[in-house]
Amino acid sequence: MSNKSNNPFDKIQQGAGISPSEIYKVADSVKNADFSDEKTVRRLVRQLAKMANKPLSKEKEDRLVKSITGNKVPTDLNSLNQLFKK
């Protein structure tokens, strides 16, 4: 197995179509973000859904925002993936 297949950025790019530069751009924009602020979190969730070209229903957006602002953010990729699938 090559090193490239073990690179998380490659997996994200393949799975969601988000380039590493876009990931860094988002990460940089939220360095000092207040994740207890619903407006900030909602904007970030919408931005990420748009970047990934994934539909985001109002219900799913609300669940994600509630989880994040309630400090119930998954710590591993599998749990995060399950949250997005709900």
Protein backbone atom coordinates (compact mmCIF):
# COMPACT_ATOMS: atom_id res chain seq x y z
CA MET A 1 0.00 0.00 0.00
CA SER A 2 1.42 3.42 -0.89
CA ASN A 3 1.87 6.30 1.53
CA LYS A 4 -0.49 8.41 -0.51
CA SER A 5 -3.47 6.19 0.35
CA ASN A 6 -2.73 6.73 4.06
CA ASN A 7 -2.77 10.52 3.75
CA PRO A 8 -5.95 11.87 5.37
CA PHE A 9 -6.03 14.83 2.97
CA ASP A 10 -6.04 12.47 0.01
CA LYS A 11 -8.92 10.52 1.56
CA ILE A 12 -10.90 13.72 2.14
CA GLN A 13 -10.21 14.91 -1.38
CA GLN A 14 -11.28 11.58 -2.86
CA GLY A 15 -14.35 11.20 -0.65
CA ALA A 16 -15.62 14.76 -0.52
CA GLY A 17 -13.79 16.47 -3.35
CA ILE A 18 -12.25 19.06 -1.03
CA SER A 19 -8.65 19.97 -1.78
CA PRO A 20 -6.02 20.28 0.95
CA SER A 21 -5.69 24.01 0.21
CA GLU A 22 -9.43 24.45 0.85
CA ILE A 23 -9.12 22.52 4.11
CA TYR A 24 -6.25 24.74 5.25
CA LYS A 25 -8.21 27.84 4.25
CA VAL A 26 -11.20 26.79 6.37
CA ALA A 27 -8.98 25.71 9.26
CA ASP A 28 -7.21 29.05 9.19
CA SER A 29 -10.52 30.93 9.16
CA VAL A 30 -11.75 29.16 12.31
CA LYS A 31 -8.58 29.23 14.41
CA ASN A 32 -10.09 31.68 16.87
CA ALA A 33 -13.75 30.93 16.18
CA ASP A 34 -16.23 30.74 19.03
CA PHE A 35 -17.80 27.30 18.60
CA SER A 36 -20.38 28.09 21.25
CA ASP A 37 -21.77 30.82 18.96
CA GLU A 38 -24.59 29.36 16.87
CA LYS A 39 -24.22 31.91 14.06
CA THR A 40 -20.51 31.15 13.63
CA VAL A 41 -21.04 27.40 13.68
CA ARG A 42 -23.99 27.56 11.29
CA ARG A 43 -21.91 29.58 8.80
CA LEU A 44 -19.07 27.04 9.01
CA VAL A 45 -21.39 24.04 8.57
CA ARG A 46 -22.94 25.64 5.48
CA GLN A 47 -19.52 26.51 4.09
CA LEU A 48 -18.25 22.95 4.51
CA ALA A 49 -21.38 21.43 2.97
CA LYS A 50 -21.04 23.74 -0.01
CA MET A 51 -17.34 22.92 -0.41
CA ALA A 52 -18.12 19.21 -0.34
CA ASN A 53 -21.02 19.76 -2.74
CA LYS A 54 -23.31 17.91 -0.33
CA PRO A 55 -26.96 18.78 0.23
CA LEU A 56 -27.69 19.99 3.73
CA SER A 57 -31.26 19.91 4.97
CA LYS A 58 -32.38 22.35 7.64
CA GLU A 59 -32.84 19.43 10.03
CA LYS A 60 -29.31 18.10 9.47
CA GLU A 61 -27.86 21.59 9.77
CA ASP A 62 -29.72 22.09 13.05
CA ARG A 63 -28.45 18.75 14.43
CA LEU A 64 -24.86 19.56 13.49
CA VAL A 65 -25.04 23.05 14.95
CA LYS A 66 -26.62 21.75 18.17
CA SER A 67 -23.93 19.07 18.52
CA ILE A 68 -21.08 21.47 17.91
CA THR A 69 -22.37 24.32 20.07
CA GLY A 70 -23.18 21.81 22.81
CA ASN A 71 -19.54 20.68 22.70
CA LYS A 72 -20.57 17.20 21.56
CA VAL A 73 -18.17 17.07 18.65
CA PRO A 74 -16.92 13.60 17.65
CA THR A 75 -13.20 13.09 18.15
CA ASP A 76 -12.64 10.52 15.40
CA LEU A 77 -13.49 10.40 11.70
CA ASN A 78 -15.88 7.45 11.98
CA SER A 79 -18.02 9.19 14.60
CA LEU A 80 -17.95 12.42 12.60
CA ASN A 81 -19.00 10.53 9.49
CA GLN A 82 -21.93 8.98 11.38
CA LEU A 83 -23.05 12.43 12.53
CA PHE A 84 -23.16 13.65 8.93
CA LYS A 85 -25.09 10.58 7.80
CA LYS A 86 -27.96 11.10 10.26
